[in-house]
Amino acid sequence: MSRAAIVLVVYREPRFALRADGRALTAEDAGPDSGFPVLVHNGGGSRHLFPPAVRDARAHELRLIGYDRPAYGGSTPATRQSRGRLRR
């Protein structure tokens, strides 16, 4: 039986951005700081990045950035006013 290599993917601590309206957006990134930034939307609202994608991105000098949608994870909920703007 062959042994598969175990690759540990290390993530930075989540980052928080405060918007002018007081809401917070939580994001995490993986890859070299000098890497080309790629904004990732997982579809489920979570900032968590898929480890095989992170490994491949690092190999190609890409920096993946995932974010929590409003009211998910560490991001605060959207206000009624901002939700209305999104529907237009």
N, C-alpha and C. Protein backbone atom coordinates (compact mmCIF):
# COMPACT_ATOMS: atom_id res chain seq x y z
N MET A 1 0.85 -1.18 0.00
CA MET A 1 0.00 0.00 0.00
C MET A 1 0.89 1.24 0.00
N SER A 2 0.64 2.16 -0.91
CA SER A 2 1.44 3.38 -0.97
C SER A 2 0.89 4.42 0.00
N ARG A 3 1.78 5.27 0.44
CA ARG A 3 1.37 6.34 1.36
C ARG A 3 1.21 7.63 0.58
N ALA A 4 0.09 8.28 0.77
CA ALA A 4 -0.14 9.57 0.11
C ALA A 4 0.55 10.66 0.90
N ALA A 5 1.08 11.63 0.20
CA ALA A 5 1.72 12.76 0.87
C ALA A 5 0.65 13.62 1.52
N ILE A 6 0.94 14.07 2.71
CA ILE A 6 0.02 14.95 3.42
C ILE A 6 0.55 16.37 3.27
N VAL A 7 -0.30 17.24 2.76
CA VAL A 7 0.08 18.63 2.57
C VAL A 7 -0.75 19.48 3.52
N LEU A 8 -0.08 20.22 4.35
CA LEU A 8 -0.75 21.09 5.30
C LEU A 8 -0.93 22.46 4.66
N VAL A 9 -2.16 22.94 4.65
CA VAL A 9 -2.45 24.27 4.13
C VAL A 9 -2.66 25.19 5.32
N VAL A 10 -1.85 26.22 5.40
CA VAL A 10 -1.93 27.16 6.52
C VAL A 10 -2.60 28.44 6.04
N TYR A 11 -3.65 28.83 6.75
CA TYR A 11 -4.38 30.05 6.43
C TYR A 11 -3.99 31.15 7.39
N ARG A 12 -4.03 32.36 6.91
CA ARG A 12 -3.83 33.50 7.80
C ARG A 12 -5.09 33.66 8.65
N GLU A 13 -4.95 34.43 9.71
CA GLU A 13 -6.13 34.77 10.52
C GLU A 13 -7.10 35.57 9.66
N PRO A 14 -8.41 35.43 9.90
CA PRO A 14 -9.37 36.24 9.12
C PRO A 14 -9.09 37.73 9.29
N ARG A 15 -9.36 38.46 8.24
CA ARG A 15 -9.18 39.91 8.27
C ARG A 15 -10.55 40.56 8.29
N PHE A 16 -10.65 41.70 8.92
CA PHE A 16 -11.91 42.40 9.03
C PHE A 16 -11.78 43.79 8.42
N ALA A 17 -12.72 44.14 7.59
CA ALA A 17 -12.76 45.47 7.01
C ALA A 17 -14.02 46.15 7.53
N LEU A 18 -13.88 47.34 8.06
CA LEU A 18 -15.04 48.09 8.52
C LEU A 18 -15.46 49.07 7.44
N ARG A 19 -16.72 49.01 7.11
CA ARG A 19 -17.27 49.92 6.10
C ARG A 19 -17.66 51.24 6.76
N ALA A 20 -17.87 52.25 5.95
CA ALA A 20 -18.24 53.57 6.46
C ALA A 20 -19.56 53.54 7.23
N ASP A 21 -20.45 52.60 6.86
CA ASP A 21 -21.74 52.52 7.56
C ASP A 21 -21.65 51.70 8.84
N GLY A 22 -20.44 51.27 9.24
CA GLY A 22 -20.26 50.55 10.49
C GLY A 22 -20.32 49.04 10.37
N ARG A 23 -20.69 48.52 9.22
CA ARG A 23 -20.76 47.07 9.04
C ARG A 23 -19.36 46.50 8.85
N ALA A 24 -19.19 45.22 9.16
CA ALA A 24 -17.90 44.56 9.01
C ALA A 24 -18.00 43.51 7.90
N LEU A 25 -16.91 43.36 7.16
CA LEU A 25 -16.78 42.33 6.15
C LEU A 25 -15.58 41.47 6.55
N THR A 26 -15.79 40.17 6.68
CA THR A 26 -14.72 39.27 7.07
C THR A 26 -14.17 38.58 5.83
N ALA A 27 -12.86 38.52 5.73
CA ALA A 27 -12.22 37.89 4.58
C ALA A 27 -11.02 37.09 5.04
N GLU A 28 -10.62 36.12 4.22
CA GLU A 28 -9.37 35.42 4.45
C GLU A 28 -8.65 35.29 3.12
N ASP A 29 -7.35 35.25 3.20
CA ASP A 29 -6.59 35.10 1.97
C ASP A 29 -5.48 34.09 2.16
N ALA A 30 -5.07 33.50 1.07
CA ALA A 30 -4.01 32.50 1.09
C ALA A 30 -3.18 32.66 -0.18
N GLY A 31 -1.90 32.50 -0.02
CA GLY A 31 -0.99 32.67 -1.14
C GLY A 31 -0.01 33.78 -0.84
N PRO A 32 0.94 33.98 -1.71
CA PRO A 32 1.96 35.01 -1.45
C PRO A 32 1.36 36.41 -1.50
N ASP A 33 1.85 37.28 -0.63
CA ASP A 33 1.38 38.67 -0.62
C ASP A 33 1.59 39.34 -1.97
N SER A 34 2.64 38.96 -2.66
CA SER A 34 2.93 39.56 -3.97
C SER A 34 2.19 38.86 -5.11
N GLY A 35 1.41 37.80 -4.78
CA GLY A 35 0.70 37.06 -5.82
C GLY A 35 -0.43 37.86 -6.43
N PHE A 36 -0.82 37.50 -7.65
CA PHE A 36 -1.94 38.16 -8.32
C PHE A 36 -3.22 37.85 -7.55
N PRO A 37 -3.97 38.88 -7.10
CA PRO A 37 -5.16 38.62 -6.28
C PRO A 37 -6.33 38.08 -7.11
N VAL A 38 -6.98 37.05 -6.57
CA VAL A 38 -8.15 36.44 -7.20
C VAL A 38 -9.26 36.39 -6.16
N LEU A 39 -10.35 37.11 -6.40
CA LEU A 39 -11.48 37.12 -5.49
C LEU A 39 -12.31 35.86 -5.73
N VAL A 40 -12.55 35.08 -4.67
CA VAL A 40 -13.24 33.80 -4.78
C VAL A 40 -14.60 33.90 -4.10
N HIS A 41 -15.64 33.50 -4.81
CA HIS A 41 -16.98 33.42 -4.23
C HIS A 41 -17.40 31.95 -4.28
N ASN A 42 -17.54 31.34 -3.11
CA ASN A 42 -17.84 29.91 -3.03
C ASN A 42 -19.30 29.57 -3.26
N GLY A 43 -20.16 30.55 -3.30
CA GLY A 43 -21.57 30.29 -3.55
C GLY A 43 -22.39 30.10 -2.29
N GLY A 44 -21.77 29.65 -1.22
CA GLY A 44 -22.52 29.41 0.01
C GLY A 44 -22.46 30.54 1.01
N GLY A 45 -21.70 31.55 0.72
CA GLY A 45 -21.61 32.69 1.62
C GLY A 45 -20.40 32.67 2.54
N SER A 46 -19.62 31.60 2.52
CA SER A 46 -18.50 31.45 3.43
C SER A 46 -17.19 31.89 2.82
N ARG A 47 -16.30 32.43 3.65
CA ARG A 47 -14.99 32.87 3.19
C ARG A 47 -13.99 31.74 3.05
N HIS A 48 -14.30 30.57 3.57
CA HIS A 48 -13.33 29.49 3.62
C HIS A 48 -12.93 29.00 2.24
N LEU A 49 -11.64 28.85 2.06
CA LEU A 49 -11.07 28.47 0.77
C LEU A 49 -10.81 26.97 0.73
N PHE A 50 -11.01 26.35 -0.42
CA PHE A 50 -10.85 24.92 -0.63
C PHE A 50 -9.35 24.59 -0.66
N PRO A 51 -8.85 23.76 0.27
CA PRO A 51 -7.40 23.51 0.36
C PRO A 51 -6.71 23.12 -0.95
N PRO A 52 -7.27 22.22 -1.79
CA PRO A 52 -6.58 21.93 -3.06
C PRO A 52 -6.47 23.16 -3.98
N ALA A 53 -7.48 24.04 -3.93
CA ALA A 53 -7.42 25.26 -4.74
C ALA A 53 -6.32 26.18 -4.23
N VAL A 54 -6.16 26.25 -2.91
CA VAL A 54 -5.10 27.07 -2.32
C VAL A 54 -3.74 26.53 -2.73
N ARG A 55 -3.58 25.24 -2.67
CA ARG A 55 -2.30 24.63 -3.04
C ARG A 55 -1.96 24.92 -4.50
N ASP A 56 -2.94 24.77 -5.39
CA ASP A 56 -2.72 25.04 -6.81
C ASP A 56 -2.44 26.53 -7.06
N ALA A 57 -3.16 27.38 -6.35
CA ALA A 57 -2.97 28.82 -6.53
C ALA A 57 -1.56 29.24 -6.11
N ARG A 58 -1.09 28.69 -5.00
CA ARG A 58 0.27 29.02 -4.56
C ARG A 58 1.30 28.61 -5.59
N ALA A 59 1.09 27.45 -6.21
CA ALA A 59 2.03 26.96 -7.21
C ALA A 59 2.10 27.89 -8.42
N HIS A 60 1.03 28.67 -8.64
CA HIS A 60 0.97 29.59 -9.78
C HIS A 60 1.09 31.06 -9.37
N GLU A 61 1.57 31.28 -8.14
CA GLU A 61 1.76 32.65 -7.63
C GLU A 61 0.47 33.47 -7.61
N LEU A 62 -0.62 32.83 -7.22
CA LEU A 62 -1.90 33.52 -7.09
C LEU A 62 -2.23 33.67 -5.61
N ARG A 63 -2.93 34.73 -5.28
CA ARG A 63 -3.38 34.98 -3.92
C ARG A 63 -4.91 34.91 -3.91
N LEU A 64 -5.47 33.87 -3.31
CA LEU A 64 -6.92 33.72 -3.25
C LEU A 64 -7.48 34.52 -2.08
N ILE A 65 -8.57 35.21 -2.33
CA ILE A 65 -9.24 36.01 -1.30
C ILE A 65 -10.70 35.59 -1.26
N GLY A 66 -11.12 35.04 -0.13
CA GLY A 66 -12.52 34.66 0.08
C GLY A 66 -13.15 35.57 1.11
N TYR A 67 -14.44 35.73 1.05
CA TYR A 67 -15.12 36.65 1.98
C TYR A 67 -16.43 36.05 2.45
N ASP A 68 -16.87 36.48 3.63
CA ASP A 68 -18.17 36.10 4.17
C ASP A 68 -19.21 37.09 3.66
N ARG A 69 -20.26 36.58 3.07
CA ARG A 69 -21.36 37.45 2.65
C ARG A 69 -22.02 38.05 3.90
N PRO A 70 -22.80 39.12 3.73
CA PRO A 70 -23.47 39.72 4.88
C PRO A 70 -24.25 38.68 5.68
N ALA A 71 -24.10 38.73 7.00
CA ALA A 71 -24.76 37.86 7.98
C ALA A 71 -24.18 36.45 8.03
N TYR A 72 -23.12 36.18 7.31
CA TYR A 72 -22.44 34.88 7.39
C TYR A 72 -21.12 35.07 8.12
N GLY A 73 -20.71 34.04 8.86
CA GLY A 73 -19.42 34.07 9.55
C GLY A 73 -19.27 35.33 10.38
N GLY A 74 -18.20 36.07 10.15
CA GLY A 74 -17.94 37.27 10.93
C GLY A 74 -18.47 38.55 10.33
N SER A 75 -19.11 38.47 9.16
CA SER A 75 -19.65 39.69 8.53
C SER A 75 -20.99 40.05 9.15
N THR A 76 -21.20 41.32 9.35
CA THR A 76 -22.46 41.77 9.94
C THR A 76 -23.56 41.77 8.88
N PRO A 77 -24.81 41.66 9.31
CA PRO A 77 -25.92 41.65 8.34
C PRO A 77 -26.03 42.94 7.55
N ALA A 78 -26.58 42.84 6.36
CA ALA A 78 -26.85 44.02 5.54
C ALA A 78 -28.03 44.77 6.14
N THR A 79 -28.02 46.07 5.98
CA THR A 79 -29.14 46.88 6.45
C THR A 79 -30.27 46.82 5.43
N ARG A 80 -31.45 47.21 5.84
CA ARG A 80 -32.58 47.24 4.90
C ARG A 80 -32.27 48.15 3.72
N GLN A 81 -31.61 49.26 4.01
CA GLN A 81 -31.31 50.23 2.96
C GLN A 81 -30.34 49.62 1.93
N SER A 82 -29.31 48.93 2.38
CA SER A 82 -28.35 48.36 1.42
C SER A 82 -28.96 47.20 0.66
N ARG A 83 -29.85 46.43 1.27
CA ARG A 83 -30.53 45.34 0.56
C ARG A 83 -31.39 45.89 -0.56
N GLY A 84 -32.02 47.03 -0.30
CA GLY A 84 -32.85 47.66 -1.33
C GLY A 84 -32.04 48.09 -2.54
N ARG A 85 -30.83 48.59 -2.31
CA ARG A 85 -29.96 49.00 -3.40
C ARG A 85 -29.56 47.80 -4.27
N LEU A 86 -29.39 46.65 -3.65
CA LEU A 86 -28.98 45.45 -4.40
C LEU A 86 -30.09 44.95 -5.32
N ARG A 87 -31.32 45.21 -5.00
CA ARG A 87 -32.45 44.72 -5.81
C ARG A 87 -32.68 45.55 -7.06
N ARG A 88 -32.18 46.75 -7.10
CA ARG A 88 -32.44 47.64 -8.25
C ARG A 88 -31.70 47.23 -9.48
